N, C-alpha and C. Protein backbone atom coordinates (compact mmCIF):
# COMPACT_ATOMS: atom_id res chain seq x y z
N MET A 1 -95.71 65.23 -72.61
CA MET A 1 -95.19 65.75 -73.74
C MET A 1 -94.75 67.25 -73.61
N SER A 2 -93.00 67.68 -72.93
CA SER A 2 -92.75 68.31 -72.93
C SER A 2 -92.89 69.74 -74.43
N VAL A 3 -92.34 70.59 -73.99
CA VAL A 3 -92.33 72.24 -75.10
C VAL A 3 -91.71 71.45 -75.94
N GLN A 4 -90.20 70.95 -75.62
CA GLN A 4 -89.27 70.30 -76.84
C GLN A 4 -89.68 69.84 -77.73
N GLU A 5 -90.88 68.75 -77.41
CA GLU A 5 -91.01 67.36 -77.85
C GLU A 5 -92.34 68.09 -79.15
N LYS A 6 -93.10 68.96 -78.58
CA LYS A 6 -94.52 69.56 -79.07
C LYS A 6 -93.52 70.21 -80.24
N ILE A 7 -92.88 71.05 -80.36
CA ILE A 7 -91.82 71.95 -80.72
C ILE A 7 -91.27 70.93 -81.94
N ARG A 8 -90.97 69.85 -81.80
CA ARG A 8 -90.07 69.00 -82.96
C ARG A 8 -91.55 68.27 -83.37
N ASN A 9 -92.72 67.90 -83.04
CA ASN A 9 -93.42 67.41 -83.89
C ASN A 9 -94.33 68.22 -84.64
N GLN A 10 -93.99 69.75 -84.28
CA GLN A 10 -94.19 70.80 -84.88
C GLN A 10 -93.95 70.86 -85.99
N VAL A 11 -92.37 71.21 -85.76
CA VAL A 11 -91.74 71.33 -87.36
C VAL A 11 -91.39 70.14 -88.25
N THR A 12 -91.61 68.90 -87.67
CA THR A 12 -91.63 67.39 -88.28
C THR A 12 -92.92 67.05 -88.87
N ALA A 13 -93.76 67.36 -88.77
CA ALA A 13 -95.03 67.01 -88.91
C ALA A 13 -95.57 68.19 -90.26
N ASN A 14 -94.84 68.97 -89.98
CA ASN A 14 -95.77 70.27 -91.43
C ASN A 14 -94.20 70.90 -91.97
N SER A 15 -94.40 70.68 -93.50
CA SER A 15 -93.61 71.10 -94.42
C SER A 15 -93.02 72.90 -93.65
N VAL A 16 -93.63 73.79 -93.95
CA VAL A 16 -93.14 75.09 -93.36
C VAL A 16 -94.04 75.43 -92.36
N VAL A 17 -93.55 75.58 -91.18
CA VAL A 17 -93.55 76.68 -90.12
C VAL A 17 -93.15 77.70 -89.76
N LEU A 18 -94.21 78.84 -89.27
CA LEU A 18 -93.66 79.79 -88.99
C LEU A 18 -93.65 80.44 -87.66
N TYR A 19 -92.97 80.26 -86.36
CA TYR A 19 -93.46 80.65 -85.39
C TYR A 19 -93.43 82.15 -85.51
N MET A 20 -94.39 82.57 -84.95
CA MET A 20 -94.70 84.40 -85.05
C MET A 20 -95.29 85.03 -84.40
N LYS A 21 -95.33 86.29 -84.08
CA LYS A 21 -95.98 86.85 -82.88
C LYS A 21 -97.78 87.52 -83.55
N GLY A 22 -98.36 87.13 -83.26
CA GLY A 22 -99.64 87.17 -84.11
C GLY A 22 -100.35 86.07 -85.14
N THR A 23 -100.94 86.29 -85.36
CA THR A 23 -101.19 85.34 -86.91
C THR A 23 -101.10 85.74 -88.30
N PRO A 24 -101.17 84.91 -89.16
CA PRO A 24 -100.71 85.53 -90.72
C PRO A 24 -101.75 86.75 -90.91
N GLN A 25 -103.13 86.64 -90.55
CA GLN A 25 -104.21 87.59 -91.06
C GLN A 25 -104.03 88.65 -89.81
N SER A 26 -103.51 88.88 -88.73
CA SER A 26 -103.43 89.78 -87.68
C SER A 26 -101.76 89.87 -87.21
N PRO A 27 -100.27 89.76 -87.97
CA PRO A 27 -99.47 90.28 -87.47
C PRO A 27 -99.01 91.20 -86.54
N GLN A 28 -98.53 90.16 -85.21
CA GLN A 28 -98.24 91.41 -83.96
C GLN A 28 -97.07 92.40 -84.03
N CYS A 29 -96.33 91.87 -84.79
CA CYS A 29 -94.89 92.96 -84.62
C CYS A 29 -94.50 92.69 -86.74
N GLY A 30 -93.95 93.59 -86.54
CA GLY A 30 -93.30 94.20 -88.13
C GLY A 30 -92.64 92.97 -88.75
N PHE A 31 -91.92 92.66 -88.10
CA PHE A 31 -90.84 91.25 -88.89
C PHE A 31 -91.50 90.37 -88.97
N SER A 32 -92.90 89.53 -88.04
CA SER A 32 -93.54 88.71 -88.58
C SER A 32 -94.64 89.32 -89.71
N GLY A 33 -94.82 89.86 -90.03
CA GLY A 33 -95.88 90.66 -91.48
C GLY A 33 -95.07 90.44 -92.34
N ALA A 34 -93.88 91.00 -92.22
CA ALA A 34 -92.87 90.88 -93.66
C ALA A 34 -92.48 89.16 -93.63
N THR A 35 -92.54 88.69 -93.05
CA THR A 35 -91.93 87.28 -93.26
C THR A 35 -93.30 86.54 -93.78
N VAL A 36 -94.12 86.92 -93.66
CA VAL A 36 -95.98 86.05 -93.78
C VAL A 36 -95.56 86.48 -95.33
N GLN A 37 -95.65 87.43 -95.84
CA GLN A 37 -95.97 88.41 -97.17
C GLN A 37 -94.64 87.91 -97.97
N ILE A 38 -93.25 87.32 -97.27
CA ILE A 38 -92.17 86.92 -98.29
C ILE A 38 -92.58 85.64 -98.36
N LEU A 39 -92.92 84.57 -97.55
CA LEU A 39 -93.74 83.72 -97.61
C LEU A 39 -94.80 83.48 -98.67
N LYS A 40 -95.72 84.54 -98.89
CA LYS A 40 -96.84 84.52 -100.02
C LYS A 40 -96.27 85.35 -100.81
N ALA A 41 -95.00 85.78 -101.30
CA ALA A 41 -94.79 85.90 -102.66
C ALA A 41 -93.66 84.92 -102.97
N CYS A 42 -93.45 84.22 -102.02
CA CYS A 42 -92.96 82.99 -103.07
C CYS A 42 -93.83 82.00 -103.29
N GLY A 43 -95.22 82.23 -103.12
CA GLY A 43 -96.43 81.39 -103.71
C GLY A 43 -96.95 80.49 -102.52
N VAL A 44 -96.41 80.53 -101.18
CA VAL A 44 -96.93 79.74 -99.91
C VAL A 44 -98.10 79.63 -99.67
N GLN A 45 -99.28 78.80 -99.80
CA GLN A 45 -100.48 79.32 -99.75
C GLN A 45 -100.75 78.91 -98.17
N ASN A 46 -100.21 77.61 -98.23
CA ASN A 46 -100.57 77.15 -96.74
C ASN A 46 -99.58 76.67 -95.85
N PHE A 47 -99.31 77.24 -94.83
CA PHE A 47 -98.31 76.96 -93.97
C PHE A 47 -98.51 76.71 -92.34
N THR A 48 -98.24 76.46 -91.90
CA THR A 48 -98.69 76.26 -89.99
C THR A 48 -97.81 77.69 -89.30
N ALA A 49 -98.68 78.23 -88.87
CA ALA A 49 -98.65 79.17 -88.03
C ALA A 49 -98.44 79.15 -86.53
N VAL A 50 -97.61 79.41 -85.92
CA VAL A 50 -97.53 79.42 -84.63
C VAL A 50 -97.41 80.52 -83.71
N ASP A 51 -98.96 80.98 -83.14
CA ASP A 51 -98.28 82.51 -82.29
C ASP A 51 -97.99 82.21 -81.19
N VAL A 52 -96.65 82.83 -80.98
CA VAL A 52 -96.12 82.45 -79.66
C VAL A 52 -96.61 83.42 -78.70
N LEU A 53 -97.49 84.56 -79.18
CA LEU A 53 -97.68 85.31 -77.77
C LEU A 53 -99.27 84.56 -77.30
N ALA A 54 -99.31 83.63 -77.74
CA ALA A 54 -100.70 82.64 -76.91
C ALA A 54 -100.16 81.95 -76.18
N ASP A 55 -99.17 81.41 -76.37
CA ASP A 55 -98.30 80.19 -75.50
C ASP A 55 -96.26 80.67 -74.91
N PRO A 56 -96.81 81.48 -73.76
CA PRO A 56 -95.61 81.87 -73.48
C PRO A 56 -94.03 80.73 -73.41
N GLU A 57 -94.96 79.11 -72.74
CA GLU A 57 -94.05 78.12 -73.01
C GLU A 57 -93.67 77.75 -74.54
N ILE A 58 -94.22 78.20 -75.55
CA ILE A 58 -93.67 78.11 -76.69
C ILE A 58 -92.66 79.26 -76.95
N ARG A 59 -92.91 80.19 -76.61
CA ARG A 59 -92.13 81.34 -76.47
C ARG A 59 -90.94 81.28 -76.58
N ASP A 60 -90.55 80.88 -75.12
CA ASP A 60 -89.46 81.02 -74.69
C ASP A 60 -88.81 79.66 -75.52
N GLY A 61 -89.76 78.24 -74.91
CA GLY A 61 -89.14 77.15 -75.52
C GLY A 61 -88.63 77.04 -77.33
N ILE A 62 -89.47 77.60 -77.90
CA ILE A 62 -88.57 77.90 -79.30
C ILE A 62 -87.31 78.50 -79.40
N LYS A 63 -86.76 79.54 -78.51
CA LYS A 63 -85.53 79.95 -78.54
C LYS A 63 -84.40 78.79 -78.03
N ALA A 64 -84.90 78.45 -77.19
CA ALA A 64 -84.13 77.26 -76.65
C ALA A 64 -84.31 76.17 -77.79
N TYR A 65 -84.72 75.97 -78.59
CA TYR A 65 -84.91 74.77 -79.30
C TYR A 65 -83.80 75.07 -80.48
N SER A 66 -84.08 76.44 -81.14
CA SER A 66 -83.59 76.93 -81.99
C SER A 66 -82.12 77.20 -81.39
N ASN A 67 -81.75 77.64 -80.63
CA ASN A 67 -80.38 78.43 -79.99
C ASN A 67 -80.87 79.98 -81.04
N TRP A 68 -82.07 80.14 -80.94
CA TRP A 68 -81.81 81.56 -81.87
C TRP A 68 -82.70 82.32 -81.02
N PRO A 69 -82.61 83.53 -80.64
CA PRO A 69 -83.01 84.60 -79.62
C PRO A 69 -84.33 85.29 -79.94
N THR A 70 -84.91 84.97 -81.19
CA THR A 70 -85.92 86.32 -81.39
C THR A 70 -86.92 85.36 -82.58
N VAL A 71 -88.07 85.96 -82.50
CA VAL A 71 -89.43 84.94 -83.61
C VAL A 71 -89.46 86.68 -84.14
N PRO A 72 -89.78 86.54 -85.56
CA PRO A 72 -90.02 85.02 -85.96
C PRO A 72 -89.51 83.66 -85.82
N GLN A 73 -89.41 82.78 -86.49
CA GLN A 73 -88.41 81.73 -87.08
C GLN A 73 -89.30 80.80 -87.83
N LEU A 74 -88.75 80.23 -88.85
CA LEU A 74 -89.21 79.60 -90.19
C LEU A 74 -87.92 78.62 -90.20
N TYR A 75 -89.27 77.42 -90.09
CA TYR A 75 -88.71 76.07 -90.18
C TYR A 75 -89.01 75.43 -91.76
N ILE A 76 -88.44 74.86 -92.49
CA ILE A 76 -88.93 74.08 -93.18
C ILE A 76 -88.45 72.88 -93.66
N LYS A 77 -89.47 71.72 -93.58
CA LYS A 77 -88.95 70.18 -93.67
C LYS A 77 -88.18 69.90 -92.55
N GLY A 78 -88.70 70.73 -91.20
CA GLY A 78 -87.81 70.52 -90.03
C GLY A 78 -86.92 71.00 -89.73
N GLU A 79 -86.34 71.62 -90.72
CA GLU A 79 -85.09 72.40 -90.52
C GLU A 79 -85.40 74.07 -90.30
N PHE A 80 -84.27 74.55 -89.46
CA PHE A 80 -84.57 75.81 -88.46
C PHE A 80 -84.15 76.77 -90.34
N VAL A 81 -84.85 77.52 -90.71
CA VAL A 81 -84.32 78.40 -91.58
C VAL A 81 -83.76 79.39 -91.26
N GLY A 82 -84.52 80.18 -90.47
CA GLY A 82 -83.61 81.28 -89.90
C GLY A 82 -84.87 82.36 -89.23
N GLY A 83 -84.90 84.20 -89.08
CA GLY A 83 -85.16 84.64 -88.88
C GLY A 83 -85.80 85.52 -89.85
N ALA A 84 -86.42 87.00 -89.71
CA ALA A 84 -86.89 87.68 -90.21
C ALA A 84 -85.97 88.15 -91.61
N ASP A 85 -84.29 88.38 -90.99
CA ASP A 85 -83.40 89.13 -91.68
C ASP A 85 -82.88 88.21 -92.83
N ILE A 86 -82.53 86.69 -91.81
CA ILE A 86 -81.98 85.62 -93.27
C ILE A 86 -83.40 85.12 -94.20
N VAL A 87 -84.67 84.99 -93.52
CA VAL A 87 -85.23 85.10 -94.74
C VAL A 87 -85.39 85.98 -95.86
N ARG A 88 -85.33 87.05 -95.64
CA ARG A 88 -85.84 88.02 -96.35
C ARG A 88 -84.57 88.29 -97.07
N GLU A 89 -82.96 88.03 -96.80
CA GLU A 89 -81.91 88.03 -97.52
C GLU A 89 -81.89 86.53 -98.80
N MET A 90 -82.35 85.51 -97.97
CA MET A 90 -82.29 84.64 -98.79
C MET A 90 -83.79 84.46 -100.47
N HIS A 91 -85.04 85.25 -99.66
CA HIS A 91 -85.53 85.75 -100.48
C HIS A 91 -84.72 86.17 -101.30
N GLN A 92 -84.39 87.89 -101.57
CA GLN A 92 -83.83 88.20 -102.15
C GLN A 92 -82.51 87.39 -103.51
N GLN A 93 -82.49 87.06 -103.04
CA GLN A 93 -81.18 85.76 -103.58
C GLN A 93 -81.58 84.78 -104.07
N GLY A 94 -82.98 84.37 -104.20
CA GLY A 94 -83.75 83.07 -104.63
C GLY A 94 -83.52 81.97 -103.80
N GLU A 95 -82.81 81.71 -103.16
CA GLU A 95 -82.51 80.97 -102.31
C GLU A 95 -83.71 80.03 -101.95
N LEU A 96 -84.54 81.15 -100.90
CA LEU A 96 -85.80 80.62 -100.14
C LEU A 96 -86.79 80.19 -100.80
N GLN A 97 -86.95 80.56 -102.56
CA GLN A 97 -87.65 79.56 -103.44
C GLN A 97 -87.31 78.55 -103.74
N LYS A 98 -86.05 78.14 -103.95
CA LYS A 98 -85.59 77.28 -104.24
C LYS A 98 -86.24 75.86 -102.92
N LEU A 99 -85.53 76.27 -101.64
CA LEU A 99 -85.87 75.83 -100.58
C LEU A 99 -87.54 75.49 -100.59
N LEU A 100 -88.11 76.37 -100.53
CA LEU A 100 -89.91 76.01 -100.77
C LEU A 100 -90.19 75.24 -101.59
N ASP A 101 -89.57 75.12 -102.84
CA ASP A 101 -90.08 74.28 -103.79
C ASP A 101 -89.22 72.83 -103.82
N SER A 102 -88.44 72.95 -103.50
CA SER A 102 -87.74 71.76 -103.04
C SER A 102 -88.58 70.70 -101.65
N ALA A 103 -89.45 71.44 -101.00
CA ALA A 103 -90.31 71.25 -99.87
C ALA A 103 -91.13 70.72 -100.36
N ALA A 104 -92.45 71.58 -101.36
CA ALA A 104 -93.28 71.52 -102.01
C ALA A 104 -93.26 69.55 -102.85
N GLY A 105 -92.21 69.75 -103.49
CA GLY A 105 -92.32 68.60 -104.20
C GLY A 105 -91.87 67.46 -103.33
């Protein structure tokens, strides 16, 4: 299985997937930590977190998969939502909550 197939499987098999540096319990960058906090503020208890620092192939592959140059990257229901800045803006506007509610329902 190629790294692109692996990523595709991860984002389609799980409702909410966050590619981040570190883990939700121990983020290794401020942007990843902020994105985790936003998800928690939206009431997301369970999401799939993929530590890109643990797998260099995924770290490079996710950037190619989304055509987005940075991590973290949030996926909801298989769709790329964005990085930390986009997630923060969507949260402030209430759009992220709507998207998460539709994914849960």
